[in-house]
């Protein structure tokens, strides 16, 4: 019985360590970590899940709000960075 409890405890410790390592990597060490954006979105996929599933597909509109708040370069998810390109000003272009 004691061996089973030790194995279970060891598994829980390993899982917690893996989770903490993943969070530290995503928030501080990842190449995407240096770009602006909500830290909760950089840490987990649950942010996108919430807006897509719970709020009924509103993540597209949330991305637009993030671009207004954080600028053209925005880290929108754990492994994603979206770049919003400016639309060309067609009035100043020759025809």
Foldseek 3Di string as FASTA:
>chain_A
DVVVVVVVVVVVVVVVVVLVVLQCCQCPPDPLNVADEDSVQQRAVVVVVCCCPVVPHCLVVVVVVRCVVRHQWYARHNPDIHGDDDDDDVVPDDD
